[in-house]
């Protein structure tokens, strides 16, 4: 169901961070009203994407280490279109201090790619 294993360490947050992200988003996506979303319900998908972003932001606020800035991206797309989706990014950073956590979670209809960049400020 997800692209990470529990407890993936990241440089910008404490050890509980990746577990909390995965667990909280999985709980949200397992709600009956979310599981029943259809790919044609664009406003509902936007609302879920916003809720995921806000949830991640709240978790980040409690678990980020001092002197780090965080960028949160949530990409939502219907599974029926996944072969047509191409996502690419490049980062220029210090690999000794900066880090990224990617989590992919899916429902029967949608995939959610959550990318969290932690950059030492």
Protein backbone atom coordinates (compact mmCIF):
# COMPACT_ATOMS: atom_id res chain seq x y z
CA UNK A 1 0.00 0.00 0.00
CA UNK A 2 2.85 2.48 0.66
CA UNK A 3 6.25 3.09 -0.83
CA UNK A 4 8.10 3.24 2.50
CA UNK A 5 8.65 0.83 5.34
CA UNK A 6 7.82 1.90 8.89
CA UNK A 7 10.35 4.07 10.65
CA UNK A 8 12.27 5.44 7.67
CA UNK A 9 14.73 7.90 9.23
CA UNK A 10 14.98 11.39 7.79
CA UNK A 11 17.50 14.05 8.74
CA UNK A 12 14.94 16.81 9.25
CA UNK A 13 12.58 15.08 11.75
CA UNK A 14 12.49 12.66 14.62
CA UNK A 15 12.18 8.87 14.31
CA UNK A 16 8.39 8.80 14.72
CA UNK A 17 7.84 11.14 11.76
CA UNK A 18 7.57 8.72 8.83
CA UNK A 19 5.43 6.29 10.83
CA UNK A 20 3.01 9.06 11.79
CA UNK A 21 2.76 10.33 8.20
CA UNK A 22 1.93 6.87 6.87
CA UNK A 23 -0.49 5.97 9.66
CA UNK A 24 -2.43 9.24 9.69
CA UNK A 25 -2.86 9.39 5.91
CA UNK A 26 -3.84 5.71 5.77
CA UNK A 27 -6.52 6.34 8.41
CA UNK A 28 -7.89 9.27 6.43
CA UNK A 29 -7.97 7.29 3.19
CA UNK A 30 -9.71 4.36 4.89
CA UNK A 31 -12.73 6.47 5.85
CA UNK A 32 -15.80 5.16 3.99
CA UNK A 33 -16.54 8.50 2.30
CA UNK A 34 -12.96 8.65 0.95
CA UNK A 35 -12.87 5.03 -0.18
CA UNK A 36 -16.06 5.58 -2.20
CA UNK A 37 -14.73 8.56 -4.19
CA UNK A 38 -14.95 8.21 -7.94
CA UNK A 39 -12.32 9.60 -10.30
CA UNK A 40 -14.91 11.99 -11.75
CA UNK A 41 -15.43 13.72 -8.38
CA UNK A 42 -12.84 16.43 -8.89
CA UNK A 43 -13.89 18.71 -6.02
CA UNK A 44 -13.86 15.80 -3.58
CA UNK A 45 -10.37 14.79 -4.74
CA UNK A 46 -9.21 18.40 -4.24
CA UNK A 47 -10.66 18.38 -0.73
CA UNK A 48 -8.91 15.12 0.16
CA UNK A 49 -5.63 16.44 -1.27
CA UNK A 50 -6.00 19.60 0.83
CA UNK A 51 -6.77 17.52 3.95
CA UNK A 52 -3.66 15.39 3.38
CA UNK A 53 -1.52 18.52 2.95
CA UNK A 54 -2.89 20.07 6.15
CA UNK A 55 -2.42 16.81 8.06
CA UNK A 56 1.21 16.54 6.95
CA UNK A 57 1.77 20.21 7.86
CA UNK A 58 0.47 19.58 11.41
CA UNK A 59 2.69 16.51 11.84
CA UNK A 60 5.70 18.40 10.47
CA UNK A 61 5.11 21.24 12.94
CA UNK A 62 5.42 18.83 15.88
CA UNK A 63 8.31 16.69 14.64
CA UNK A 64 10.66 18.88 12.61
CA UNK A 65 14.10 19.58 13.97
CA UNK A 66 15.27 23.13 14.60
CA UNK A 67 16.76 25.06 11.68
CA UNK A 68 14.95 23.11 8.96
CA UNK A 69 12.54 24.38 6.35
CA UNK A 70 10.07 21.95 4.83
CA UNK A 71 8.33 21.81 1.47
CA UNK A 72 5.24 19.58 1.25
CA UNK A 73 3.86 18.39 -2.09
CA UNK A 74 0.79 16.19 -2.48
CA UNK A 75 0.04 14.91 -5.96
CA UNK A 76 -3.30 13.18 -6.51
CA UNK A 77 -4.28 11.35 -9.68
CA UNK A 78 -6.76 8.69 -10.77
CA UNK A 79 -5.29 5.21 -11.05
CA UNK A 80 -6.92 4.84 -14.47
CA UNK A 81 -4.59 7.61 -15.73
CA UNK A 82 -1.42 6.51 -13.95
CA UNK A 83 0.32 5.43 -17.16
CA UNK A 84 -0.03 8.99 -18.42
CA UNK A 85 1.44 10.65 -15.32
CA UNK A 86 5.08 11.72 -15.32
CA UNK A 87 6.47 13.52 -12.29
CA UNK A 88 10.04 14.75 -12.23
CA UNK A 89 11.98 17.12 -10.04
CA UNK A 90 15.57 18.02 -9.35
CA UNK A 91 17.11 19.38 -6.18
CA UNK A 92 20.36 21.16 -5.62
CA UNK A 93 21.18 20.72 -1.97
CA UNK A 94 23.62 19.46 0.61
CA UNK A 95 23.17 15.70 0.80
CA UNK A 96 24.82 15.66 4.27
CA UNK A 97 22.09 17.78 5.89
CA UNK A 98 19.06 17.87 3.56
CA UNK A 99 16.66 15.01 2.91
CA UNK A 100 13.41 13.96 1.29
CA UNK A 101 10.65 11.54 2.28
CA UNK A 102 8.31 10.17 -0.40
CA UNK A 103 5.17 8.25 0.48
CA UNK A 104 2.80 6.72 -2.05
CA UNK A 105 -0.61 5.64 -0.80
CA UNK A 106 -3.59 4.54 -2.82
CA UNK A 107 -7.29 3.86 -2.65
CA UNK A 108 -9.21 1.76 -5.15
CA UNK A 109 -9.51 4.77 -7.47
CA UNK A 110 -6.77 7.30 -6.59
CA UNK A 111 -3.04 7.39 -5.94
CA UNK A 112 -1.52 9.97 -3.64
CA UNK A 113 2.17 10.84 -3.84
CA UNK A 114 3.36 12.82 -0.84
CA UNK A 115 6.83 14.34 -1.10
CA UNK A 116 8.34 16.13 1.90
CA UNK A 117 11.65 17.96 1.46
CA UNK A 118 13.62 19.02 4.54
CA UNK A 119 16.29 21.65 3.90
CA UNK A 120 18.64 23.00 6.56
CA UNK A 121 18.16 26.74 6.80
